[in-house]
């Protein structure tokens, strides 16, 4: 016995639920893809910023503290 044979009136509802699940899965996949792309861009910017700092001194401090 199949569900479709037993309850033929619910077949359109079952198809609607199946489509909703597919749409939800697609939305989650797009969210994860956007998050991964954002993380990749962030890491790229961080690497570019660190590469730009290689020629500059980290911090220049005075040799003696000023007297007051």
PDB file of N, CA and C in Angstrom:
ATOM      1  N   UNK A   1       0.825  -1.176   0.000  1.00  0.00           N
ATOM      2  CA  UNK A   1       0.000   0.000   0.000  1.00  0.00           C
ATOM      3  C   UNK A   1       0.877   1.249   0.000  1.00  0.00           C
ATOM      4  N   UNK A   2       0.524   2.153  -0.857  1.00  0.00           N
ATOM      5  CA  UNK A   2       1.278   3.386  -1.003  1.00  0.00           C
ATOM      6  C   UNK A   2       0.459   4.547  -0.430  1.00  0.00           C
ATOM      7  N   UNK A   3       1.166   5.558   0.038  1.00  0.00           N
ATOM      8  CA  UNK A   3       0.491   6.731   0.599  1.00  0.00           C
ATOM      9  C   UNK A   3      -0.385   7.409  -0.459  1.00  0.00           C
ATOM     10  N   UNK A   4       0.118   7.446  -1.688  1.00  0.00           N
ATOM     11  CA  UNK A   4      -0.640   8.093  -2.761  1.00  0.00           C
ATOM     12  C   UNK A   4      -1.920   7.332  -3.100  1.00  0.00           C
ATOM     13  N   UNK A   5      -1.874   6.015  -2.950  1.00  0.00           N
ATOM     14  CA  UNK A   5      -3.076   5.215  -3.206  1.00  0.00           C
ATOM     15  C   UNK A   5      -4.078   5.353  -2.068  1.00  0.00           C
ATOM     16  N   UNK A   6      -3.563   5.428  -0.839  1.00  0.00           N
ATOM     17  CA  UNK A   6      -4.450   5.507   0.315  1.00  0.00           C
ATOM     18  C   UNK A   6      -5.086   6.885   0.450  1.00  0.00           C
ATOM     19  N   UNK A   7      -4.282   7.931   0.271  1.00  0.00           N
ATOM     20  CA  UNK A   7      -4.765   9.307   0.435  1.00  0.00           C
ATOM     21  C   UNK A   7      -4.468  10.121  -0.827  1.00  0.00           C
ATOM     22  N   UNK A   8      -5.210   9.922  -1.885  1.00  0.00           N
ATOM     23  CA  UNK A   8      -4.905  10.655  -3.134  1.00  0.00           C
ATOM     24  C   UNK A   8      -5.156  12.156  -3.033  1.00  0.00           C
ATOM     25  N   UNK A   9      -5.962  12.586  -2.069  1.00  0.00           N
ATOM     26  CA  UNK A   9      -6.225  14.016  -1.930  1.00  0.00           C
ATOM     27  C   UNK A   9      -5.010  14.787  -1.416  1.00  0.00           C
ATOM     28  N   UNK A  10      -4.076  14.097  -0.784  1.00  0.00           N
ATOM     29  CA  UNK A  10      -2.921  14.766  -0.185  1.00  0.00           C
ATOM     30  C   UNK A  10      -1.704  14.814  -1.105  1.00  0.00           C
ATOM     31  N   UNK A  11      -1.811  14.299  -2.314  1.00  0.00           N
ATOM     32  CA  UNK A  11      -0.687  14.295  -3.241  1.00  0.00           C
ATOM     33  C   UNK A  11      -0.212  15.723  -3.561  1.00  0.00           C
ATOM     34  N   UNK A  12      -1.104  16.679  -3.857  1.00  0.00           N
ATOM     35  CA  UNK A  12      -0.610  18.056  -4.114  1.00  0.00           C
ATOM     36  C   UNK A  12       0.087  18.666  -2.899  1.00  0.00           C
ATOM     37  N   UNK A  13      -0.391  18.357  -1.714  1.00  0.00           N
ATOM     38  CA  UNK A  13       0.241  18.878  -0.495  1.00  0.00           C
ATOM     39  C   UNK A  13       1.634  18.284  -0.334  1.00  0.00           C
ATOM     40  N   UNK A  14       1.755  17.000  -0.627  1.00  0.00           N
ATOM     41  CA  UNK A  14       3.059  16.347  -0.531  1.00  0.00           C
ATOM     42  C   UNK A  14       4.045  16.964  -1.521  1.00  0.00           C
ATOM     43  N   UNK A  15       3.596  17.283  -2.723  1.00  0.00           N
ATOM     44  CA  UNK A  15       4.459  17.931  -3.717  1.00  0.00           C
ATOM     45  C   UNK A  15       4.848  19.340  -3.265  1.00  0.00           C
ATOM     46  N   UNK A  16       3.914  20.048  -2.660  1.00  0.00           N
ATOM     47  CA  UNK A  16       4.201  21.394  -2.147  1.00  0.00           C
ATOM     48  C   UNK A  16       5.267  21.330  -1.052  1.00  0.00           C
ATOM     49  N   UNK A  17       5.159  20.370  -0.167  1.00  0.00           N
ATOM     50  CA  UNK A  17       6.146  20.213   0.909  1.00  0.00           C
ATOM     51  C   UNK A  17       7.506  19.852   0.321  1.00  0.00           C
ATOM     52  N   UNK A  18       7.539  19.012  -0.688  1.00  0.00           N
ATOM     53  CA  UNK A  18       8.804  18.628  -1.327  1.00  0.00           C
ATOM     54  C   UNK A  18       9.475  19.843  -1.956  1.00  0.00           C
ATOM     55  N   UNK A  19       8.683  20.687  -2.644  1.00  0.00           N
ATOM     56  CA  UNK A  19       9.246  21.904  -3.240  1.00  0.00           C
ATOM     57  C   UNK A  19       9.767  22.856  -2.172  1.00  0.00           C
ATOM     58  N   UNK A  20       9.036  22.970  -1.067  1.00  0.00           N
ATOM     59  CA  UNK A  20       9.476  23.858   0.022  1.00  0.00           C
ATOM     60  C   UNK A  20      10.798  23.375   0.610  1.00  0.00           C
ATOM     61  N   UNK A  21      10.953  22.080   0.740  1.00  0.00           N
ATOM     62  CA  UNK A  21      12.221  21.536   1.265  1.00  0.00           C
ATOM     63  C   UNK A  21      13.370  21.823   0.309  1.00  0.00           C
ATOM     64  N   UNK A  22      13.104  21.692  -0.984  1.00  0.00           N
ATOM     65  CA  UNK A  22      14.146  21.978  -1.977  1.00  0.00           C
ATOM     66  C   UNK A  22      14.530  23.456  -1.927  1.00  0.00           C
ATOM     67  N   UNK A  23      13.537  24.334  -1.820  1.00  0.00           N
ATOM     68  CA  UNK A  23      13.830  25.769  -1.741  1.00  0.00           C
ATOM     69  C   UNK A  23      14.617  26.110  -0.481  1.00  0.00           C
ATOM     70  N   UNK A  24      14.272  25.467   0.628  1.00  0.00           N
ATOM     71  CA  UNK A  24      15.001  25.710   1.867  1.00  0.00           C
ATOM     72  C   UNK A  24      16.442  25.231   1.744  1.00  0.00           C
ATOM     73  N   UNK A  25      16.628  24.075   1.115  1.00  0.00           N
ATOM     74  CA  UNK A  25      17.989  23.563   0.921  1.00  0.00           C
ATOM     75  C   UNK A  25      18.804  24.498   0.046  1.00  0.00           C
ATOM     76  N   UNK A  26      18.167  25.040  -0.990  1.00  0.00           N
ATOM     77  CA  UNK A  26      18.856  25.976  -1.865  1.00  0.00           C
ATOM     78  C   UNK A  26      19.223  27.255  -1.118  1.00  0.00           C
ATOM     79  N   UNK A  27      18.311  27.744  -0.292  1.00  0.00           N
ATOM     80  CA  UNK A  27      18.598  28.961   0.482  1.00  0.00           C
ATOM     81  C   UNK A  27      19.766  28.735   1.437  1.00  0.00           C
ATOM     82  N   UNK A  28      19.801  27.583   2.078  1.00  0.00           N
ATOM     83  CA  UNK A  28      20.921  27.279   2.982  1.00  0.00           C
ATOM     84  C   UNK A  28      22.230  27.163   2.213  1.00  0.00           C
ATOM     85  N   UNK A  29      22.183  26.535   1.053  1.00  0.00           N
ATOM     86  CA  UNK A  29      23.398  26.403   0.241  1.00  0.00           C
ATOM     87  C   UNK A  29      23.915  27.771  -0.190  1.00  0.00           C
ATOM     88  N   UNK A  30      23.006  28.665  -0.575  1.00  0.00           N
ATOM     89  CA  UNK A  30      23.419  30.015  -0.964  1.00  0.00           C
ATOM     90  C   UNK A  30      23.993  30.780   0.224  1.00  0.00           C
ATOM     91  N   UNK A  31      23.418  30.578   1.404  1.00  0.00           N
ATOM     92  CA  UNK A  31      23.930  31.245   2.600  1.00  0.00           C
ATOM     93  C   UNK A  31      25.347  30.778   2.916  1.00  0.00           C
ATOM     94  N   UNK A  32      25.573  29.458   2.843  1.00  0.00           N
ATOM     95  CA  UNK A  32      26.910  28.932   3.117  1.00  0.00           C
ATOM     96  C   UNK A  32      27.910  29.397   2.057  1.00  0.00           C
ATOM     97  N   UNK A  33      27.490  29.454   0.805  1.00  0.00           N
ATOM     98  CA  UNK A  33      28.381  29.916  -0.260  1.00  0.00           C
ATOM     99  C   UNK A  33      28.747  31.385  -0.066  1.00  0.00           C
ATOM    100  N   UNK A  34      27.771  32.204   0.311  1.00  0.00           N
ATOM    101  CA  UNK A  34      28.048  33.629   0.551  1.00  0.00           C
ATOM    102  C   UNK A  34      28.971  33.806   1.746  1.00  0.00           C
ATOM    103  N   UNK A  35      28.773  33.008   2.790  1.00  0.00           N
ATOM    104  CA  UNK A  35      29.646  33.089   3.964  1.00  0.00           C
ATOM    105  C   UNK A  35      31.072  32.683   3.600  1.00  0.00           C
ATOM    106  N   UNK A  36      31.214  31.629   2.822  1.00  0.00           N
ATOM    107  CA  UNK A  36      32.546  31.176   2.413  1.00  0.00           C
ATOM    108  C   UNK A  36      33.226  32.228   1.543  1.00  0.00           C
ATOM    109  N   UNK A  37      32.473  32.849   0.640  1.00  0.00           N
ATOM    110  CA  UNK A  37      33.046  33.892  -0.211  1.00  0.00           C
ATOM    111  C   UNK A  37      33.459  35.102   0.629  1.00  0.00           C
ATOM    112  N   UNK A  38      32.645  35.459   1.607  1.00  0.00           N
ATOM    113  CA  UNK A  38      32.990  36.581   2.488  1.00  0.00           C
ATOM    114  C   UNK A  38      34.234  36.308   3.311  1.00  0.00           C
ATOM    115  N   UNK A  39      34.340  35.099   3.818  1.00  0.00           N
ATOM    116  CA  UNK A  39      35.540  34.727   4.582  1.00  0.00           C
ATOM    117  C   UNK A  39      36.765  34.764   3.679  1.00  0.00           C
ATOM    118  N   UNK A  40      36.611  34.273   2.458  1.00  0.00           N
ATOM    119  CA  UNK A  40      37.734  34.310   1.504  1.00  0.00           C
ATOM    120  C   UNK A  40      38.178  35.724   1.192  1.00  0.00           C
ATOM    121  N   UNK A  41      37.198  36.625   0.982  1.00  0.00           N
ATOM    122  CA  UNK A  41      37.554  38.021   0.731  1.00  0.00           C
ATOM    123  C   UNK A  41      38.244  38.638   1.943  1.00  0.00           C
ATOM    124  N   UNK A  42      37.752  38.328   3.133  1.00  0.00           N
ATOM    125  CA  UNK A  42      38.359  38.865   4.349  1.00  0.00           C
ATOM    126  C   UNK A  42      39.789  38.396   4.531  1.00  0.00           C
ATOM    127  N   UNK A  43      40.024  37.125   4.291  1.00  0.00           N
ATOM    128  CA  UNK A  43      41.388  36.590   4.405  1.00  0.00           C
ATOM    129  C   UNK A  43      42.287  37.223   3.351  1.00  0.00           C
ATOM    130  N   UNK A  44      41.751  37.414   2.149  1.00  0.00           N
ATOM    131  CA  UNK A  44      42.534  38.065   1.097  1.00  0.00           C
ATOM    132  C   UNK A  44      42.923  39.482   1.471  1.00  0.00           C
ATOM    133  N   UNK A  45      41.989  40.228   2.048  1.00  0.00           N
ATOM    134  CA  UNK A  45      42.295  41.598   2.483  1.00  0.00           C
ATOM    135  C   UNK A  45      43.307  41.604   3.619  1.00  0.00           C
ATOM    136  N   UNK A  46      43.188  40.641   4.530  1.00  0.00           N
ATOM    137  CA  UNK A  46      44.140  40.542   5.634  1.00  0.00           C
ATOM    138  C   UNK A  46      45.536  40.236   5.123  1.00  0.00           C
ATOM    139  N   UNK A  47      45.643  39.325   4.178  1.00  0.00           N
ATOM    140  CA  UNK A  47      46.949  38.987   3.601  1.00  0.00           C
ATOM    141  C   UNK A  47      47.529  40.191   2.863  1.00  0.00           C
ATOM    142  N   UNK A  48      46.692  40.904   2.116  1.00  0.00           N
ATOM    143  CA  UNK A  48      47.172  42.079   1.394  1.00  0.00           C
ATOM    144  C   UNK A  48      47.640  43.162   2.360  1.00  0.00           C
ATOM    145  N   UNK A  49      46.915  43.325   3.459  1.00  0.00           N
ATOM    146  CA  UNK A  49      47.317  44.328   4.452  1.00  0.00           C
ATOM    147  C   UNK A  49      48.628  43.928   5.118  1.00  0.00           C
ATOM    148  N   UNK A  50      48.793  42.672   5.421  1.00  0.00           N
ATOM    149  CA  UNK A  50      50.041  42.216   6.047  1.00  0.00           C
ATOM    150  C   UNK A  50      51.206  42.313   5.070  1.00  0.00           C
ATOM    151  N   UNK A  51      50.961  42.072   3.804  1.00  0.00           N
ATOM    152  CA  UNK A  51      52.024  42.174   2.802  1.00  0.00           C
ATOM    153  C   UNK A  51      52.469  43.623   2.645  1.00  0.00           C
ATOM    154  N   UNK A  52      51.558  44.565   2.820  1.00  0.00           N
ATOM    155  CA  UNK A  52      51.910  45.977   2.710  1.00  0.00           C
ATOM    156  C   UNK A  52      52.706  46.478   3.894  1.00  0.00           C
ATOM    157  N   UNK A  53      52.687  45.794   5.006  1.00  0.00           N
ATOM    158  CA  UNK A  53      53.400  46.229   6.209  1.00  0.00           C
ATOM    159  C   UNK A  53      54.839  45.729   6.269  1.00  0.00           C
ATOM    160  N   UNK A  54      55.255  44.891   5.365  1.00  0.00           N
ATOM    161  CA  UNK A  54      56.589  44.290   5.448  1.00  0.00           C
ATOM    162  C   UNK A  54      57.700  45.320   5.331  1.00  0.00           C
ATOM    163  N   UNK A  55      57.525  46.363   4.530  1.00  0.00           N
ATOM    164  CA  UNK A  55      58.577  47.360   4.343  1.00  0.00           C
ATOM    165  C   UNK A  55      58.601  48.425   5.421  1.00  0.00           C
ATOM    166  N   UNK A  56      57.582  48.504   6.242  1.00  0.00           N
ATOM    167  CA  UNK A  56      57.513  49.548   7.253  1.00  0.00           C
ATOM    168  C   UNK A  56      57.932  49.006   8.621  1.00  0.00           C
ATOM    169  N   UNK A  57      58.589  49.850   9.432  1.00  0.00           N
ATOM    170  CA  UNK A  57      58.893  49.392  10.792  1.00  0.00           C
ATOM    171  C   UNK A  57      57.612  49.265  11.609  1.00  0.00           C
ATOM    172  N   UNK A  58      57.604  48.319  12.513  1.00  0.00           N
ATOM    173  CA  UNK A  58      56.405  48.060  13.295  1.00  0.00           C
ATOM    174  C   UNK A  58      56.076  49.239  14.212  1.00  0.00           C
ATOM    175  N   UNK A  59      57.077  49.753  14.928  1.00  0.00           N
ATOM    176  CA  UNK A  59      56.830  50.841  15.864  1.00  0.00           C
ATOM    177  C   UNK A  59      58.161  51.527  16.148  1.00  0.00           C
ATOM    178  N   UNK A  60      58.168  52.829  16.095  1.00  0.00           N
ATOM    179  CA  UNK A  60      59.388  53.587  16.392  1.00  0.00           C
ATOM    180  C   UNK A  60      59.194  54.258  17.746  1.00  0.00           C
ATOM    181  N   UNK A  61      60.018  53.889  18.699  1.00  0.00           N
ATOM    182  CA  UNK A  61      59.949  54.458  20.045  1.00  0.00           C
ATOM    183  C   UNK A  61      61.130  55.410  20.243  1.00  0.00           C
ATOM    184  N   UNK A  62      60.947  56.470  21.016  1.00  0.00           N
ATOM    185  CA  UNK A  62      62.097  57.339  21.322  1.00  0.00           C
ATOM    186  C   UNK A  62      63.097  56.586  22.200  1.00  0.00           C
ATOM    187  N   UNK A  63      64.383  56.953  22.055  1.00  0.00           N
ATOM    188  CA  UNK A  63      65.421  56.253  22.806  1.00  0.00           C
ATOM    189  C   UNK A  63      65.345  56.599  24.281  1.00  0.00           C
ATOM    190  N   UNK A  64      64.987  57.802  24.591  1.00  0.00           N
ATOM    191  CA  UNK A  64      64.878  58.207  25.995  1.00  0.00           C
ATOM    192  C   UNK A  64      63.471  58.749  26.243  1.00  0.00           C
ATOM    193  N   UNK A  65      63.003  58.547  27.420  1.00  0.00           N
ATOM    194  CA  UNK A  65      61.699  59.077  27.786  1.00  0.00           C
ATOM    195  C   UNK A  65      61.816  60.577  28.024  1.00  0.00           C
ATOM    196  N   UNK A  66      60.849  61.384  27.634  1.00  0.00           N
ATOM    197  CA  UNK A  66      60.924  62.826  27.871  1.00  0.00           C
ATOM    198  C   UNK A  66      60.826  63.129  29.363  1.00  0.00           C
ATOM    199  N   UNK A  67      61.601  64.147  29.799  1.00  0.00           N
ATOM    200  CA  UNK A  67      61.583  64.533  31.206  1.00  0.00           C
ATOM    201  C   UNK A  67      60.544  65.611  31.430  1.00  0.00           C
ATOM    202  N   UNK A  68      59.918  65.588  32.590  1.00  0.00           N
ATOM    203  CA  UNK A  68      58.942  66.624  32.903  1.00  0.00           C
ATOM    204  C   UNK A  68      59.402  67.418  34.067  1.00  0.00           C
TER     205      UNK A  68
END
